[in-house]
Amino acid sequence: MLPTPIVAHEYMLTKLWCPAPPRYTCHTAARLLTCTREPAVRAERRKVSLRREAKAYVAGLTTVLLWSTVASAFKLTLRYLDYAQLLLYGAITSLLILGLILVVRGRFVDVFRASPNEYARSLAFGILNPFLYYLVLFKAYELLPAQVAQPLNYTWALTLAVLSIPLLKQRLAATDIFAGVICYAGVVIISTDGRFSSLGGLSPVGIALALGSTVIWALYWIYNTRDRRDPVVVLFTNFAFGLPFILIYCALFSSLRVEHAAGLLGAAYVGVVEMGFAFVLWLVALRLTDSVARIGNLIFLSPFISLLFIRAFLNEEIRRSTVLGLVLIVAGLITQQSSARRRRVAK
């Protein structure tokens, strides 16, 4: 079914090109509504499609650019806040932004129309994301250089493929195994800085947390995709249920008091970009495009652009092992996704 704006637009075009009484060239009942100006209508439809695709790419590339800044934003903000404070004030900001988006869209009332089972799922998902996922991720960023934590966390897509075998009963193809070997070879290179006999001076706990965050996110993604509610409504509800857990954790193991305004500004940026607006903008891109696969491939630009921001804003000397490992990780992910796409087409 075409989105409502396109349907309306095509109806207007039909009225424009088929003035009453229309002159039909069709001689069968099946084509009774086709008029002599149909080629012009098709041309206009193509123009509309191209304009929508251009808007999709603008939204997709903007999202990728925003997501590419978050690794640097995490590390900069962690200079002023600890990981629990960053999570608390980032989640509060995200909840406000998501609520505002729902109000503007006229969908905020849908938050209160969920069934008891849907609220129970949101409670469980809220514990996974934002509470556990970002708690683990931010702690990993606190312990590791951004150029290490970011590509390790980026392997979540492969973790998703692995977990889908026992949880979704999906079969593992030979190409998936090959992609996994490539991907995790990149992880080993980054984690050891190319020195395979050691961890290259990096925190073992930080590495474990960065990789552990991919498991949490993959679990969240697998089960949350079964929720048929509006995605923004789901995300808002999950954050609303997760926020009390974050608040209690921060009060018990950190402090609610923030000493530097720069920390609050950084947390607000993280809440707006990482947890809120960028997610909605990505949904817009996917809705506008005629090819989800093409738009989805833009995400592979993000880790490389992120390295440029890390070098510029954090002044981290980018290691050759990071670049090589990241290339292997992205190559593995592309291989895995291409294989999954071919299997879907074959079906």
Protein backbone atom coordinates (compact mmCIF):
# COMPACT_ATOMS: atom_id res chain seq x y z
CA MET A 1 0.00 0.00 0.00
CA LEU A 2 1.35 3.44 -0.89
CA PRO A 3 1.84 5.99 1.90
CA THR A 4 -1.08 8.41 2.20
CA PRO A 5 0.74 11.49 0.76
CA ILE A 6 1.57 9.63 -2.44
CA VAL A 7 -1.93 8.25 -2.83
CA ALA A 8 -3.36 11.73 -2.44
CA HIS A 9 -0.83 13.17 -4.85
CA GLU A 10 -1.61 10.60 -7.53
CA TYR A 11 -5.33 11.24 -7.13
CA MET A 12 -4.75 14.94 -7.78
CA LEU A 13 -2.69 14.08 -10.84
CA THR A 14 -5.43 11.83 -12.18
CA LYS A 15 -7.97 14.63 -11.77
CA LEU A 16 -5.60 17.02 -13.52
CA TRP A 17 -4.84 14.86 -16.53
CA CYS A 18 -8.30 13.37 -16.98
CA PRO A 19 -10.71 16.33 -17.18
CA ALA A 20 -14.37 15.41 -17.49
CA PRO A 21 -15.42 13.94 -19.78
CA PRO A 22 -12.16 11.92 -20.24
CA ARG A 23 -11.24 10.35 -23.57
CA TYR A 24 -10.34 6.74 -22.95
CA THR A 25 -8.21 4.65 -25.30
CA CYS A 26 -8.94 1.43 -23.35
CA HIS A 27 -11.39 -1.11 -24.72
CA THR A 28 -11.60 -3.51 -21.77
CA ALA A 29 -13.34 -3.15 -18.45
CA ALA A 30 -10.08 -3.82 -16.60
CA ARG A 31 -8.49 -0.68 -18.10
CA LEU A 32 -11.56 1.52 -18.16
CA LEU A 33 -9.99 4.15 -15.88
CA THR A 34 -6.78 4.55 -17.92
CA CYS A 35 -6.75 7.81 -19.90
CA THR A 36 -4.81 9.10 -22.86
CA ARG A 37 -2.57 11.18 -20.62
CA GLU A 38 -1.36 8.18 -18.60
CA PRO A 39 2.32 8.47 -19.71
CA ALA A 40 2.46 11.98 -18.26
CA VAL A 41 0.99 10.67 -14.99
CA ARG A 42 3.63 7.94 -14.85
CA ALA A 43 6.37 10.50 -15.48
CA GLU A 44 5.07 12.64 -12.65
CA ARG A 45 4.97 9.60 -10.39
CA ARG A 46 8.62 8.92 -11.16
CA LYS A 47 9.47 12.52 -10.26
CA VAL A 48 7.62 12.13 -6.96
CA SER A 49 9.49 8.87 -6.29
CA LEU A 50 12.86 10.49 -7.03
CA ARG A 51 12.07 13.41 -4.73
CA ARG A 52 11.12 11.00 -1.95
CA GLU A 53 14.32 9.01 -2.51
CA ALA A 54 16.40 12.20 -2.36
CA LYS A 55 14.73 13.13 0.94
CA ALA A 56 15.39 9.60 2.22
CA TYR A 57 19.11 9.93 1.46
CA VAL A 58 19.28 13.35 3.11
CA ALA A 59 17.62 11.96 6.24
CA GLY A 60 19.77 8.81 6.17
CA LEU A 61 23.07 10.65 5.71
CA THR A 62 22.14 13.21 8.38
CA THR A 63 21.43 10.35 10.80
CA VAL A 64 24.74 8.67 9.97
CA LEU A 65 26.56 11.96 10.54
CA LEU A 66 24.85 12.46 13.90
CA TRP A 67 25.54 8.90 15.03
CA SER A 68 29.18 9.35 14.01
CA THR A 69 29.59 12.07 16.63
CA VAL A 70 28.33 10.10 19.63
CA ALA A 71 31.56 8.20 20.44
CA SER A 72 33.36 11.54 20.81
CA ALA A 73 30.39 12.97 22.74
CA PHE A 74 30.50 10.02 25.18
CA LYS A 75 34.18 10.51 25.97
CA LEU A 76 33.97 14.29 26.21
CA THR A 77 31.00 14.12 28.58
CA LEU A 78 32.66 11.43 30.71
CA ARG A 79 35.31 13.99 31.58
CA TYR A 80 32.66 15.78 33.67
CA LEU A 81 30.19 13.01 34.61
CA ASP A 82 30.59 9.37 35.50
CA TYR A 83 28.87 6.71 33.42
CA ALA A 84 25.77 6.50 35.66
CA GLN A 85 25.22 10.28 35.64
CA LEU A 86 25.63 10.37 31.87
CA LEU A 87 22.98 7.68 31.54
CA LEU A 88 20.56 9.39 33.94
CA TYR A 89 20.62 12.87 32.39
CA GLY A 90 20.87 11.53 28.85
CA ALA A 91 17.79 9.33 29.41
CA ILE A 92 15.82 12.23 30.91
CA THR A 93 16.62 14.39 27.89
CA SER A 94 15.73 11.58 25.50
CA LEU A 95 12.39 11.00 27.22
CA LEU A 96 11.52 14.70 26.88
CA ILE A 97 12.53 14.76 23.20
CA LEU A 98 10.58 11.60 22.36
CA GLY A 99 7.55 12.93 24.23
CA LEU A 100 7.74 16.21 22.29
CA ILE A 101 7.95 14.32 18.99
CA LEU A 102 4.85 12.32 19.92
CA VAL A 103 2.97 15.49 20.87
CA VAL A 104 3.87 17.13 17.55
CA ARG A 105 2.76 14.01 15.68
CA GLY A 106 -0.46 13.82 17.69
CA ARG A 107 0.45 10.32 18.92
CA PHE A 108 1.17 10.98 22.60
CA VAL A 109 -2.24 9.62 23.61
CA ASP A 110 -1.17 6.24 22.18
CA VAL A 111 1.21 5.86 25.11
CA PHE A 112 -1.85 5.31 27.34
CA ARG A 113 -3.65 2.93 24.97
CA ALA A 114 -1.39 -0.07 25.46
CA SER A 115 -2.61 -3.35 26.90
CA PRO A 116 -1.32 -4.72 30.24
CA ASN A 117 0.84 -7.21 28.30
CA GLU A 118 2.35 -4.39 26.22
CA TYR A 119 3.14 -2.40 29.37
CA ALA A 120 4.76 -5.50 30.86
CA ARG A 121 6.91 -5.89 27.73
CA SER A 122 7.89 -2.22 27.91
CA LEU A 123 8.97 -2.73 31.52
CA ALA A 124 11.19 -5.65 30.50
CA PHE A 125 12.54 -3.79 27.46
CA GLY A 126 13.13 -0.66 29.54
CA ILE A 127 15.39 -2.67 31.83
CA LEU A 128 17.34 -3.85 28.77
CA ASN A 129 17.37 -0.47 27.01
CA PRO A 130 18.08 2.17 28.22
CA PHE A 131 19.06 0.83 31.66
CA LEU A 132 21.39 -2.15 31.17
CA TYR A 133 22.55 -1.45 27.63
CA TYR A 134 23.75 2.12 28.18
CA LEU A 135 25.02 1.38 31.68
CA VAL A 136 27.34 -1.27 30.23
CA LEU A 137 28.20 0.76 27.13
CA PHE A 138 29.05 3.98 28.99
CA LYS A 139 31.19 2.08 31.48
CA ALA A 140 33.06 0.52 28.54
CA TYR A 141 33.68 3.99 27.11
CA GLU A 142 34.90 5.12 30.52
CA LEU A 143 37.52 2.34 30.54
CA LEU A 144 38.56 2.26 26.86
CA PRO A 145 39.71 4.72 24.19
CA ALA A 146 36.79 5.77 21.98
CA GLN A 147 38.49 4.30 18.91
CA VAL A 148 38.40 0.87 20.59
CA ALA A 149 34.98 0.94 22.29
CA GLN A 150 33.17 2.19 19.19
CA PRO A 151 34.13 -0.57 16.71
CA LEU A 152 33.73 -3.31 19.36
CA ASN A 153 30.18 -2.13 20.05
CA TYR A 154 29.58 -2.01 16.29
CA THR A 155 29.68 -5.82 16.12
CA TRP A 156 26.17 -6.01 17.58
CA ALA A 157 24.75 -6.88 14.13
CA LEU A 158 26.83 -10.05 14.02
CA THR A 159 25.86 -10.87 17.60
CA LEU A 160 22.26 -10.48 16.48
CA ALA A 161 22.81 -13.04 13.71
CA VAL A 162 24.41 -15.49 16.15
CA LEU A 163 21.67 -15.15 18.78
CA SER A 164 18.94 -15.54 16.16
CA ILE A 165 20.03 -19.20 15.76
CA PRO A 166 18.86 -20.42 19.20
CA LEU A 167 16.22 -17.72 19.80
CA LEU A 168 14.57 -17.51 16.36
CA LYS A 169 15.51 -21.01 15.16
CA GLN A 170 17.34 -19.61 12.14
CA ARG A 171 19.95 -21.67 10.34
CA LEU A 172 23.59 -20.62 10.12
CA ALA A 173 24.91 -20.59 6.56
CA ALA A 174 28.56 -21.11 5.61
CA THR A 175 28.80 -17.45 4.63
CA ASP A 176 27.61 -16.46 8.12
CA ILE A 177 30.45 -18.47 9.66
CA PHE A 178 32.92 -16.88 7.25
CA ALA A 179 31.55 -13.41 8.05
CA GLY A 180 31.86 -14.13 11.78
CA VAL A 181 35.49 -15.18 11.42
CA ILE A 182 36.32 -11.98 9.50
CA CYS A 183 34.41 -9.79 11.94
CA TYR A 184 35.89 -11.21 15.11
CA ALA A 185 39.38 -11.23 13.60
CA GLY A 186 38.90 -7.46 13.48
CA VAL A 187 37.82 -7.50 17.12
CA VAL A 188 40.98 -9.40 18.11
CA ILE A 189 43.22 -7.00 16.17
CA ILE A 190 41.63 -3.95 17.80
CA SER A 191 41.60 -5.49 21.29
CA THR A 192 45.27 -6.51 21.17
CA ASP A 193 46.52 -3.55 19.14
CA GLY A 194 47.95 -6.12 16.74
CA ARG A 195 49.97 -7.76 19.51
CA PHE A 196 48.29 -11.12 19.83
CA SER A 197 50.16 -12.11 23.00
CA SER A 198 48.53 -9.33 25.05
CA LEU A 199 45.65 -6.85 25.19
CA GLY A 200 47.82 -3.96 24.07
CA GLY A 201 47.52 -2.15 27.39
CA LEU A 202 43.72 -2.03 27.18
CA SER A 203 41.30 -2.79 30.01
CA PRO A 204 40.04 -6.41 29.85
CA VAL A 205 36.91 -5.35 31.73
CA GLY A 206 36.31 -2.55 29.23
CA ILE A 207 36.65 -4.95 26.29
CA ALA A 208 34.30 -7.45 27.95
CA LEU A 209 31.75 -4.69 28.61
CA ALA A 210 31.94 -3.35 25.04
CA LEU A 211 31.30 -6.83 23.63
CA GLY A 212 28.70 -7.54 26.32
CA SER A 213 26.75 -4.47 25.25
CA THR A 214 26.28 -6.07 21.83
CA VAL A 215 24.55 -9.06 23.46
CA ILE A 216 22.16 -6.80 25.39
CA TRP A 217 21.34 -4.75 22.31
CA ALA A 218 20.85 -7.84 20.13
CA LEU A 219 18.45 -9.34 22.68
CA TYR A 220 16.54 -6.06 22.84
CA TRP A 221 16.34 -5.91 19.03
CA ILE A 222 15.20 -9.53 18.61
CA TYR A 223 12.31 -9.30 21.07
CA ASN A 224 11.34 -5.66 20.55
CA THR A 225 10.68 -6.14 16.82
CA ARG A 226 7.63 -8.22 17.75
CA ASP A 227 5.94 -5.15 19.25
CA ARG A 228 3.38 -3.84 16.73
CA ARG A 229 2.95 -0.42 18.31
CA ASP A 230 4.34 2.77 16.79
CA PRO A 231 8.17 2.60 17.17
CA VAL A 232 8.43 6.03 18.80
CA VAL A 233 5.60 5.18 21.22
CA VAL A 234 7.44 1.95 22.10
CA LEU A 235 10.76 3.73 22.63
CA PHE A 236 9.15 6.44 24.79
CA THR A 237 7.33 3.84 26.93
CA ASN A 238 10.48 1.74 27.32
CA PHE A 239 12.45 4.79 28.45
CA ALA A 240 9.68 5.81 30.84
CA PHE A 241 9.81 2.37 32.50
CA GLY A 242 13.60 2.23 32.46
CA LEU A 243 14.15 5.68 33.97
CA PRO A 244 13.26 4.75 37.60
CA PHE A 245 15.86 1.95 37.54
CA ILE A 246 18.46 4.41 36.23
CA LEU A 247 17.55 6.95 38.91
CA ILE A 248 17.81 4.38 41.73
CA TYR A 249 21.15 3.05 40.41
CA CYS A 250 22.60 6.55 40.12
CA ALA A 251 21.43 7.50 43.62
CA LEU A 252 22.93 4.33 45.14
CA PHE A 253 26.20 4.01 43.24
CA SER A 254 26.95 7.53 42.04
CA SER A 255 25.52 10.98 42.76
CA LEU A 256 22.60 13.00 41.45
CA ARG A 257 24.59 16.17 41.86
CA VAL A 258 26.48 17.49 38.82
CA GLU A 259 29.42 19.81 39.39
CA HIS A 260 29.95 21.09 35.84
CA ALA A 261 27.36 22.51 33.44
CA ALA A 262 29.41 21.10 30.57
CA GLY A 263 28.50 17.63 31.79
CA LEU A 264 24.79 18.39 31.58
CA LEU A 265 25.19 19.87 28.09
CA GLY A 266 27.04 16.74 26.97
CA ALA A 267 24.40 14.46 28.47
CA ALA A 268 21.68 16.49 26.78
CA TYR A 269 23.45 16.11 23.43
CA VAL A 270 23.74 12.36 23.95
CA GLY A 271 20.05 12.17 24.89
CA VAL A 272 18.94 14.13 21.85
CA VAL A 273 21.21 12.51 19.26
CA GLU A 274 22.05 8.98 20.40
CA MET A 275 18.82 8.10 22.21
CA GLY A 276 16.18 10.25 20.54
CA PHE A 277 16.13 12.41 17.44
CA ALA A 278 18.56 10.35 15.33
CA PHE A 279 16.44 7.23 15.85
CA VAL A 280 13.30 9.03 14.63
CA LEU A 281 15.17 10.54 11.67
CA TRP A 282 16.38 7.07 10.67
CA LEU A 283 12.78 5.81 10.73
CA VAL A 284 11.83 8.71 8.44
CA ALA A 285 14.58 7.72 5.99
CA LEU A 286 13.41 4.10 5.95
CA ARG A 287 9.81 5.17 5.42
CA LEU A 288 10.62 7.46 2.50
CA THR A 289 12.94 5.16 0.56
CA ASP A 290 12.01 2.63 -2.12
CA SER A 291 15.04 0.54 -1.13
CA VAL A 292 15.60 -0.11 2.57
CA ALA A 293 18.75 -2.05 1.68
CA ARG A 294 20.41 0.94 -0.01
CA ILE A 295 19.59 3.29 2.87
CA GLY A 296 20.65 0.62 5.38
CA ASN A 297 24.07 0.40 3.75
CA LEU A 298 24.74 4.05 4.65
CA ILE A 299 25.26 2.95 8.24
CA PHE A 300 28.59 1.38 7.25
CA LEU A 301 29.97 4.90 6.76
CA SER A 302 29.40 5.76 10.41
CA PRO A 303 32.39 4.05 12.13
CA PHE A 304 34.88 5.54 9.68
CA ILE A 305 33.44 9.04 9.97
CA SER A 306 33.46 8.50 13.74
CA LEU A 307 37.24 7.95 13.67
CA LEU A 308 37.66 11.37 12.07
CA PHE A 309 35.64 12.99 14.86
CA ILE A 310 37.58 11.03 17.50
CA ARG A 311 40.86 12.31 16.07
CA ALA A 312 39.58 15.89 15.77
CA PHE A 313 37.77 16.29 19.12
CA LEU A 314 39.53 13.83 21.42
CA ASN A 315 42.99 14.09 19.91
CA GLU A 316 43.37 10.31 20.04
CA GLU A 317 46.13 9.03 17.78
CA ILE A 318 44.28 6.60 15.54
CA ARG A 319 46.09 3.27 15.59
CA ARG A 320 46.72 1.28 12.44
CA SER A 321 45.29 -1.74 14.26
CA THR A 322 42.02 0.18 14.79
CA VAL A 323 41.67 0.98 11.09
CA LEU A 324 42.55 -2.56 10.00
CA GLY A 325 40.27 -4.14 12.60
CA LEU A 326 37.40 -1.82 11.67
CA VAL A 327 37.79 -2.66 7.98
CA LEU A 328 37.55 -6.36 8.84
CA ILE A 329 34.51 -5.81 11.09
CA VAL A 330 32.65 -3.85 8.40
CA ALA A 331 33.65 -6.38 5.72
CA GLY A 332 32.28 -9.18 7.89
CA LEU A 333 29.02 -7.33 8.51
CA ILE A 334 28.56 -6.57 4.80
CA THR A 335 29.21 -10.23 3.96
CA GLN A 336 26.70 -11.39 6.55
CA GLN A 337 24.01 -8.94 5.44
CA SER A 338 24.52 -9.76 1.75
CA SER A 339 24.14 -13.45 2.55
CA ALA A 340 20.96 -12.82 4.55
CA ARG A 341 19.54 -10.73 1.69
CA ARG A 342 20.21 -13.45 -0.87
CA ARG A 343 18.46 -16.02 1.33
CA ARG A 344 15.40 -13.77 1.65
CA VAL A 345 15.27 -13.32 -2.14
CA ALA A 346 15.61 -17.08 -2.66
CA LYS A 347 12.55 -17.65 -0.47
